Amino acid sequence: MLFLALGIALLVLKLLEFGPVAGWSWWIVLLPFALATVWWWWADSSGYTARRAMDRMDRRKQDRQDRQYDALGLGLRKKKGRRR
């Protein structure tokens, strides 16, 4: 996401011919978009995106269970190896 934001900022500065970016090559200005594409390809092919999604779902599930135990008056369940 950082590469995409940087690319958009550089593109706007280049199109408005603002500051030193106006004199830069288009290759330099468009490089962050290529880097974002490579990052997204790597994240999807390595399983990074899927692991993050599974971790997020596990955290939401655990939070929901904790809220339900609190609502029942049983307090927080102490689970070995539980991450927060």
PDB file of N, CA and C in Angstrom:
ATOM      1  N   MET A   1       0.828  -1.191   0.000  1.00  0.00           N
ATOM      2  CA  MET A   1       0.000   0.000   0.000  1.00  0.00           C
ATOM      3  C   MET A   1       0.866   1.246   0.000  1.00  0.00           C
ATOM      4  N   LEU A   2       2.012   1.143   0.659  1.00  0.00           N
ATOM      5  CA  LEU A   2       2.937   2.270   0.707  1.00  0.00           C
ATOM      6  C   LEU A   2       3.447   2.604  -0.690  1.00  0.00           C
ATOM      7  N   PHE A   3       3.784   1.557  -1.464  1.00  0.00           N
ATOM      8  CA  PHE A   3       4.255   1.786  -2.827  1.00  0.00           C
ATOM      9  C   PHE A   3       3.185   2.463  -3.679  1.00  0.00           C
ATOM     10  N   LEU A   4       1.948   2.047  -3.500  1.00  0.00           N
ATOM     11  CA  LEU A   4       0.854   2.627  -4.271  1.00  0.00           C
ATOM     12  C   LEU A   4       0.654   4.101  -3.923  1.00  0.00           C
ATOM     13  N   ALA A   5       0.673   4.435  -2.640  1.00  0.00           N
ATOM     14  CA  ALA A   5       0.514   5.834  -2.216  1.00  0.00           C
ATOM     15  C   ALA A   5       1.674   6.689  -2.730  1.00  0.00           C
ATOM     16  N   LEU A   6       2.885   6.150  -2.641  1.00  0.00           N
ATOM     17  CA  LEU A   6       4.045   6.879  -3.151  1.00  0.00           C
ATOM     18  C   LEU A   6       3.935   7.089  -4.657  1.00  0.00           C
ATOM     19  N   GLY A   7       3.499   6.062  -5.379  1.00  0.00           N
ATOM     20  CA  GLY A   7       3.338   6.171  -6.826  1.00  0.00           C
ATOM     21  C   GLY A   7       2.309   7.214  -7.213  1.00  0.00           C
ATOM     22  N   ILE A   8       1.196   7.243  -6.506  1.00  0.00           N
ATOM     23  CA  ILE A   8       0.155   8.237  -6.799  1.00  0.00           C
ATOM     24  C   ILE A   8       0.670   9.640  -6.520  1.00  0.00           C
ATOM     25  N   ALA A   9       1.373   9.807  -5.400  1.00  0.00           N
ATOM     26  CA  ALA A   9       1.920  11.129  -5.062  1.00  0.00           C
ATOM     27  C   ALA A   9       2.919  11.589  -6.124  1.00  0.00           C
ATOM     28  N   LEU A  10       3.820  10.709  -6.524  1.00  0.00           N
ATOM     29  CA  LEU A  10       4.800  11.079  -7.554  1.00  0.00           C
ATOM     30  C   LEU A  10       4.126  11.362  -8.891  1.00  0.00           C
ATOM     31  N   LEU A  11       3.106  10.591  -9.233  1.00  0.00           N
ATOM     32  CA  LEU A  11       2.383  10.809 -10.485  1.00  0.00           C
ATOM     33  C   LEU A  11       1.702  12.173 -10.498  1.00  0.00           C
ATOM     34  N   VAL A  12       1.065  12.527  -9.395  1.00  0.00           N
ATOM     35  CA  VAL A  12       0.401  13.833  -9.310  1.00  0.00           C
ATOM     36  C   VAL A  12       1.427  14.958  -9.408  1.00  0.00           C
ATOM     37  N   LEU A  13       2.540  14.811  -8.690  1.00  0.00           N
ATOM     38  CA  LEU A  13       3.581  15.846  -8.754  1.00  0.00           C
ATOM     39  C   LEU A  13       4.160  15.971 -10.158  1.00  0.00           C
ATOM     40  N   LYS A  14       4.320  14.857 -10.844  1.00  0.00           N
ATOM     41  CA  LYS A  14       4.854  14.882 -12.213  1.00  0.00           C
ATOM     42  C   LYS A  14       3.857  15.548 -13.155  1.00  0.00           C
ATOM     43  N   LEU A  15       2.583  15.210 -13.040  1.00  0.00           N
ATOM     44  CA  LEU A  15       1.575  15.791 -13.928  1.00  0.00           C
ATOM     45  C   LEU A  15       1.386  17.286 -13.676  1.00  0.00           C
ATOM     46  N   LEU A  16       1.537  17.709 -12.411  1.00  0.00           N
ATOM     47  CA  LEU A  16       1.414  19.128 -12.091  1.00  0.00           C
ATOM     48  C   LEU A  16       2.712  19.893 -12.323  1.00  0.00           C
ATOM     49  N   GLU A  17       3.763  19.139 -12.704  1.00  0.00           N
ATOM     50  CA  GLU A  17       5.091  19.712 -12.925  1.00  0.00           C
ATOM     51  C   GLU A  17       5.539  20.524 -11.716  1.00  0.00           C
ATOM     52  N   PHE A  18       5.465  19.892 -10.557  1.00  0.00           N
ATOM     53  CA  PHE A  18       5.780  20.544  -9.291  1.00  0.00           C
ATOM     54  C   PHE A  18       7.145  20.095  -8.796  1.00  0.00           C
ATOM     55  N   GLY A  19       7.986  21.034  -8.448  1.00  0.00           N
ATOM     56  CA  GLY A  19       9.275  20.772  -7.822  1.00  0.00           C
ATOM     57  C   GLY A  19      10.210  19.949  -8.688  1.00  0.00           C
ATOM     58  N   PRO A  20      11.132  19.254  -8.041  1.00  0.00           N
ATOM     59  CA  PRO A  20      12.125  18.490  -8.791  1.00  0.00           C
ATOM     60  C   PRO A  20      11.537  17.276  -9.506  1.00  0.00           C
ATOM     61  N   VAL A  21      10.366  16.839  -9.098  1.00  0.00           N
ATOM     62  CA  VAL A  21       9.742  15.677  -9.732  1.00  0.00           C
ATOM     63  C   VAL A  21       9.419  15.969 -11.195  1.00  0.00           C
ATOM     64  N   ALA A  22       9.199  17.219 -11.528  1.00  0.00           N
ATOM     65  CA  ALA A  22       8.880  17.583 -12.908  1.00  0.00           C
ATOM     66  C   ALA A  22      10.007  17.197 -13.862  1.00  0.00           C
ATOM     67  N   GLY A  23      11.231  17.219 -13.391  1.00  0.00           N
ATOM     68  CA  GLY A  23      12.358  16.889 -14.251  1.00  0.00           C
ATOM     69  C   GLY A  23      12.753  15.423 -14.224  1.00  0.00           C
ATOM     70  N   TRP A  24      12.130  14.633 -13.375  1.00  0.00           N
ATOM     71  CA  TRP A  24      12.477  13.221 -13.275  1.00  0.00           C
ATOM     72  C   TRP A  24      11.954  12.449 -14.481  1.00  0.00           C
ATOM     73  N   SER A  25      12.596  11.348 -14.766  1.00  0.00           N
ATOM     74  CA  SER A  25      12.166  10.453 -15.833  1.00  0.00           C
ATOM     75  C   SER A  25      10.854   9.781 -15.435  1.00  0.00           C
ATOM     76  N   TRP A  26      10.051   9.454 -16.446  1.00  0.00           N
ATOM     77  CA  TRP A  26       8.798   8.761 -16.179  1.00  0.00           C
ATOM     78  C   TRP A  26       9.046   7.390 -15.568  1.00  0.00           C
ATOM     79  N   TRP A  27      10.188   6.765 -15.875  1.00  0.00           N
ATOM     80  CA  TRP A  27      10.517   5.462 -15.304  1.00  0.00           C
ATOM     81  C   TRP A  27      10.619   5.540 -13.790  1.00  0.00           C
ATOM     82  N   ILE A  28      11.219   6.600 -13.293  1.00  0.00           N
ATOM     83  CA  ILE A  28      11.356   6.761 -11.845  1.00  0.00           C
ATOM     84  C   ILE A  28      10.005   7.018 -11.200  1.00  0.00           C
ATOM     85  N   VAL A  29       9.188   7.797 -11.868  1.00  0.00           N
ATOM     86  CA  VAL A  29       7.868   8.139 -11.327  1.00  0.00           C
ATOM     87  C   VAL A  29       6.960   6.907 -11.285  1.00  0.00           C
ATOM     88  N   LEU A  30       7.064   6.035 -12.275  1.00  0.00           N
ATOM     89  CA  LEU A  30       6.192   4.862 -12.351  1.00  0.00           C
ATOM     90  C   LEU A  30       6.752   3.636 -11.634  1.00  0.00           C
ATOM     91  N   LEU A  31       7.996   3.707 -11.160  1.00  0.00           N
ATOM     92  CA  LEU A  31       8.625   2.587 -10.474  1.00  0.00           C
ATOM     93  C   LEU A  31       7.846   2.092  -9.249  1.00  0.00           C
ATOM     94  N   PRO A  32       7.285   2.969  -8.402  1.00  0.00           N
ATOM     95  CA  PRO A  32       6.522   2.458  -7.251  1.00  0.00           C
ATOM     96  C   PRO A  32       5.329   1.577  -7.645  1.00  0.00           C
ATOM     97  N   PHE A  33       4.722   1.837  -8.796  1.00  0.00           N
ATOM     98  CA  PHE A  33       3.610   0.992  -9.241  1.00  0.00           C
ATOM     99  C   PHE A  33       4.108  -0.408  -9.581  1.00  0.00           C
ATOM    100  N   ALA A  34       5.281  -0.490 -10.212  1.00  0.00           N
ATOM    101  CA  ALA A  34       5.878  -1.797 -10.516  1.00  0.00           C
ATOM    102  C   ALA A  34       6.246  -2.530  -9.221  1.00  0.00           C
ATOM    103  N   LEU A  35       6.783  -1.799  -8.261  1.00  0.00           N
ATOM    104  CA  LEU A  35       7.140  -2.416  -6.978  1.00  0.00           C
ATOM    105  C   LEU A  35       5.901  -2.915  -6.239  1.00  0.00           C
ATOM    106  N   ALA A  36       4.800  -2.164  -6.318  1.00  0.00           N
ATOM    107  CA  ALA A  36       3.547  -2.602  -5.687  1.00  0.00           C
ATOM    108  C   ALA A  36       3.044  -3.882  -6.348  1.00  0.00           C
ATOM    109  N   THR A  37       3.156  -3.963  -7.656  1.00  0.00           N
ATOM    110  CA  THR A  37       2.733  -5.165  -8.375  1.00  0.00           C
ATOM    111  C   THR A  37       3.561  -6.365  -7.957  1.00  0.00           C
ATOM    112  N   VAL A  38       4.878  -6.189  -7.854  1.00  0.00           N
ATOM    113  CA  VAL A  38       5.763  -7.278  -7.425  1.00  0.00           C
ATOM    114  C   VAL A  38       5.431  -7.698  -5.994  1.00  0.00           C
ATOM    115  N   TRP A  39       5.183  -6.731  -5.123  1.00  0.00           N
ATOM    116  CA  TRP A  39       4.838  -7.042  -3.733  1.00  0.00           C
ATOM    117  C   TRP A  39       3.559  -7.864  -3.668  1.00  0.00           C
ATOM    118  N   TRP A  40       2.510  -7.438  -4.395  1.00  0.00           N
ATOM    119  CA  TRP A  40       1.246  -8.162  -4.361  1.00  0.00           C
ATOM    120  C   TRP A  40       1.401  -9.560  -4.943  1.00  0.00           C
ATOM    121  N   TRP A  41       2.199  -9.715  -5.989  1.00  0.00           N
ATOM    122  CA  TRP A  41       2.436 -11.030  -6.569  1.00  0.00           C
ATOM    123  C   TRP A  41       3.114 -11.929  -5.537  1.00  0.00           C
ATOM    124  N   TRP A  42       4.164 -11.411  -4.878  1.00  0.00           N
ATOM    125  CA  TRP A  42       4.877 -12.200  -3.880  1.00  0.00           C
ATOM    126  C   TRP A  42       3.966 -12.565  -2.710  1.00  0.00           C
ATOM    127  N   ALA A  43       3.192 -11.625  -2.209  1.00  0.00           N
ATOM    128  CA  ALA A  43       2.323 -11.859  -1.053  1.00  0.00           C
ATOM    129  C   ALA A  43       1.294 -12.939  -1.365  1.00  0.00           C
ATOM    130  N   ASP A  44       0.754 -12.931  -2.568  1.00  0.00           N
ATOM    131  CA  ASP A  44      -0.230 -13.945  -2.935  1.00  0.00           C
ATOM    132  C   ASP A  44       0.418 -15.301  -3.194  1.00  0.00           C
ATOM    133  N   SER A  45       1.562 -15.318  -3.859  1.00  0.00           N
ATOM    134  CA  SER A  45       2.185 -16.597  -4.204  1.00  0.00           C
ATOM    135  C   SER A  45       2.847 -17.262  -3.001  1.00  0.00           C
ATOM    136  N   SER A  46       3.291 -16.498  -2.031  1.00  0.00           N
ATOM    137  CA  SER A  46       3.957 -17.083  -0.866  1.00  0.00           C
ATOM    138  C   SER A  46       2.978 -17.506   0.223  1.00  0.00           C
ATOM    139  N   GLY A  47       1.726 -17.120   0.113  1.00  0.00           N
ATOM    140  CA  GLY A  47       0.743 -17.451   1.131  1.00  0.00           C
ATOM    141  C   GLY A  47       0.663 -16.421   2.242  1.00  0.00           C
ATOM    142  N   TYR A  48       1.413 -15.339   2.129  1.00  0.00           N
ATOM    143  CA  TYR A  48       1.432 -14.298   3.154  1.00  0.00           C
ATOM    144  C   TYR A  48       0.028 -13.720   3.358  1.00  0.00           C
ATOM    145  N   THR A  49      -0.667 -13.447   2.274  1.00  0.00           N
ATOM    146  CA  THR A  49      -2.007 -12.854   2.352  1.00  0.00           C
ATOM    147  C   THR A  49      -2.979 -13.811   3.049  1.00  0.00           C
ATOM    148  N   ALA A  50      -2.917 -15.086   2.695  1.00  0.00           N
ATOM    149  CA  ALA A  50      -3.827 -16.070   3.295  1.00  0.00           C
ATOM    150  C   ALA A  50      -3.534 -16.236   4.788  1.00  0.00           C
ATOM    151  N   ARG A  51      -2.257 -16.269   5.162  1.00  0.00           N
ATOM    152  CA  ARG A  51      -1.913 -16.400   6.589  1.00  0.00           C
ATOM    153  C   ARG A  51      -2.429 -15.211   7.377  1.00  0.00           C
ATOM    154  N   ARG A  52      -2.267 -14.017   6.832  1.00  0.00           N
ATOM    155  CA  ARG A  52      -2.760 -12.822   7.525  1.00  0.00           C
ATOM    156  C   ARG A  52      -4.273 -12.887   7.695  1.00  0.00           C
ATOM    157  N   ALA A  53      -4.975 -13.330   6.664  1.00  0.00           N
ATOM    158  CA  ALA A  53      -6.431 -13.432   6.741  1.00  0.00           C
ATOM    159  C   ALA A  53      -6.846 -14.470   7.781  1.00  0.00           C
ATOM    160  N   MET A  54      -6.154 -15.610   7.824  1.00  0.00           N
ATOM    161  CA  MET A  54      -6.482 -16.644   8.813  1.00  0.00           C
ATOM    162  C   MET A  54      -6.190 -16.158  10.224  1.00  0.00           C
ATOM    163  N   ASP A  55      -5.075 -15.461  10.419  1.00  0.00           N
ATOM    164  CA  ASP A  55      -4.761 -14.913  11.740  1.00  0.00           C
ATOM    165  C   ASP A  55      -5.826 -13.924  12.192  1.00  0.00           C
ATOM    166  N   ARG A  56      -6.283 -13.082  11.262  1.00  0.00           N
ATOM    167  CA  ARG A  56      -7.317 -12.097  11.583  1.00  0.00           C
ATOM    168  C   ARG A  56      -8.622 -12.799  11.963  1.00  0.00           C
ATOM    169  N   MET A  57      -8.980 -13.857  11.239  1.00  0.00           N
ATOM    170  CA  MET A  57     -10.202 -14.597  11.562  1.00  0.00           C
ATOM    171  C   MET A  57     -10.076 -15.294  12.913  1.00  0.00           C
ATOM    172  N   ASP A  58      -8.899 -15.872  13.196  1.00  0.00           N
ATOM    173  CA  ASP A  58      -8.695 -16.516  14.496  1.00  0.00           C
ATOM    174  C   ASP A  58      -8.798 -15.523  15.645  1.00  0.00           C
ATOM    175  N   ARG A  59      -8.233 -14.319  15.455  1.00  0.00           N
ATOM    176  CA  ARG A  59      -8.321 -13.280  16.484  1.00  0.00           C
ATOM    177  C   ARG A  59      -9.765 -12.868  16.724  1.00  0.00           C
ATOM    178  N   ARG A  60     -10.536 -12.695  15.636  1.00  0.00           N
ATOM    179  CA  ARG A  60     -11.946 -12.312  15.777  1.00  0.00           C
ATOM    180  C   ARG A  60     -12.736 -13.414  16.482  1.00  0.00           C
ATOM    181  N   LYS A  61     -12.443 -14.671  16.135  1.00  0.00           N
ATOM    182  CA  LYS A  61     -13.136 -15.795  16.769  1.00  0.00           C
ATOM    183  C   LYS A  61     -12.838 -15.830  18.263  1.00  0.00           C
ATOM    184  N   GLN A  62     -11.567 -15.653  18.623  1.00  0.00           N
ATOM    185  CA  GLN A  62     -11.188 -15.684  20.030  1.00  0.00           C
ATOM    186  C   GLN A  62     -11.814 -14.518  20.795  1.00  0.00           C
ATOM    187  N   ASP A  63     -11.836 -13.334  20.186  1.00  0.00           N
ATOM    188  CA  ASP A  63     -12.465 -12.174  20.831  1.00  0.00           C
ATOM    189  C   ASP A  63     -13.951 -12.406  21.048  1.00  0.00           C
ATOM    190  N   ARG A  64     -14.606 -13.014  20.059  1.00  0.00           N
ATOM    191  CA  ARG A  64     -16.041 -13.301  20.179  1.00  0.00           C
ATOM    192  C   ARG A  64     -16.286 -14.310  21.307  1.00  0.00           C
ATOM    193  N   GLN A  65     -15.445 -15.334  21.386  1.00  0.00           N
ATOM    194  CA  GLN A  65     -15.588 -16.317  22.461  1.00  0.00           C
ATOM    195  C   GLN A  65     -15.358 -15.674  23.825  1.00  0.00           C
ATOM    196  N   ASP A  66     -14.362 -14.813  23.923  1.00  0.00           N
ATOM    197  CA  ASP A  66     -14.095 -14.125  25.191  1.00  0.00           C
ATOM    198  C   ASP A  66     -15.286 -13.272  25.618  1.00  0.00           C
ATOM    199  N   ARG A  67     -15.894 -12.568  24.669  1.00  0.00           N
ATOM    200  CA  ARG A  67     -17.069 -11.748  24.989  1.00  0.00           C
ATOM    201  C   ARG A  67     -18.228 -12.620  25.461  1.00  0.00           C
ATOM    202  N   GLN A  68     -18.409 -13.775  24.841  1.00  0.00           N
ATOM    203  CA  GLN A  68     -19.494 -14.665  25.233  1.00  0.00           C
ATOM    204  C   GLN A  68     -19.267 -15.237  26.631  1.00  0.00           C
ATOM    205  N   TYR A  69     -18.025 -15.598  26.949  1.00  0.00           N
ATOM    206  CA  TYR A  69     -17.727 -16.093  28.296  1.00  0.00           C
ATOM    207  C   TYR A  69     -17.947 -14.996  29.331  1.00  0.00           C
ATOM    208  N   ASP A  70     -17.552 -13.765  28.997  1.00  0.00           N
ATOM    209  CA  ASP A  70     -17.796 -12.650  29.920  1.00  0.00           C
ATOM    210  C   ASP A  70     -19.289 -12.426  30.115  1.00  0.00           C
ATOM    211  N   ALA A  71     -20.064 -12.529  29.045  1.00  0.00           N
ATOM    212  CA  ALA A  71     -21.504 -12.323  29.136  1.00  0.00           C
ATOM    213  C   ALA A  71     -22.165 -13.397  29.992  1.00  0.00           C
ATOM    214  N   LEU A  72     -21.597 -14.579  29.989  1.00  0.00           N
ATOM    215  CA  LEU A  72     -22.131 -15.667  30.820  1.00  0.00           C
ATOM    216  C   LEU A  72     -21.653 -15.570  32.262  1.00  0.00           C
ATOM    217  N   GLY A  73     -20.731 -14.663  32.523  1.00  0.00           N
ATOM    218  CA  GLY A  73     -20.209 -14.491  33.869  1.00  0.00           C
ATOM    219  C   GLY A  73     -19.121 -15.478  34.233  1.00  0.00           C
ATOM    220  N   LEU A  74     -18.544 -16.116  33.242  1.00  0.00           N
ATOM    221  CA  LEU A  74     -17.504 -17.107  33.501  1.00  0.00           C
ATOM    222  C   LEU A  74     -16.109 -16.506  33.467  1.00  0.00           C
ATOM    223  N   GLY A  75     -15.995 -15.259  33.115  1.00  0.00           N
ATOM    224  CA  GLY A  75     -14.692 -14.603  33.031  1.00  0.00           C
ATOM    225  C   GLY A  75     -13.916 -15.067  31.818  1.00  0.00           C
ATOM    226  N   LEU A  76     -12.741 -14.550  31.686  1.00  0.00           N
ATOM    227  CA  LEU A  76     -11.913 -14.920  30.542  1.00  0.00           C
ATOM    228  C   LEU A  76     -11.377 -16.329  30.719  1.00  0.00           C
ATOM    229  N   ARG A  77     -11.445 -17.049  29.665  1.00  0.00           N
ATOM    230  CA  ARG A  77     -10.881 -18.392  29.645  1.00  0.00           C
ATOM    231  C   ARG A  77      -9.383 -18.287  29.511  1.00  0.00           C
ATOM    232  N   LYS A  78      -8.655 -19.017  30.312  1.00  0.00           N
ATOM    233  CA  LYS A  78      -7.192 -19.024  30.208  1.00  0.00           C
ATOM    234  C   LYS A  78      -6.823 -20.196  29.310  1.00  0.00           C
ATOM    235  N   LYS A  79      -6.265 -19.884  28.172  1.00  0.00           N
ATOM    236  CA  LYS A  79      -5.930 -20.921  27.208  1.00  0.00           C
ATOM    237  C   LYS A  79      -4.428 -20.922  27.008  1.00  0.00           C
ATOM    238  N   LYS A  80      -3.815 -22.077  27.048  1.00  0.00           N
ATOM    239  CA  LYS A  80      -2.364 -22.165  26.866  1.00  0.00           C
ATOM    240  C   LYS A  80      -2.014 -21.722  25.461  1.00  0.00           C
ATOM    241  N   GLY A  81      -0.947 -20.911  25.357  1.00  0.00           N
ATOM    242  CA  GLY A  81      -0.448 -20.502  24.054  1.00  0.00           C
ATOM    243  C   GLY A  81      -1.303 -19.496  23.339  1.00  0.00           C
ATOM    244  N   ARG A  82      -2.199 -18.888  24.047  1.00  0.00           N
ATOM    245  CA  ARG A  82      -3.088 -17.910  23.410  1.00  0.00           C
ATOM    246  C   ARG A  82      -2.358 -16.627  23.103  1.00  0.00           C
ATOM    247  N   ARG A  83      -2.518 -16.167  21.889  1.00  0.00           N
ATOM    248  CA  ARG A  83      -1.845 -14.927  21.475  1.00  0.00           C
ATOM    249  C   ARG A  83      -2.809 -13.754  21.553  1.00  0.00           C
ATOM    250  N   ARG A  84      -2.276 -12.625  21.832  1.00  0.00           N
ATOM    251  CA  ARG A  84      -3.035 -11.362  21.827  1.00  0.00           C
ATOM    252  C   ARG A  84      -2.238 -10.330  21.152  1.00  0.00           C
TER     253      ARG A  84
END
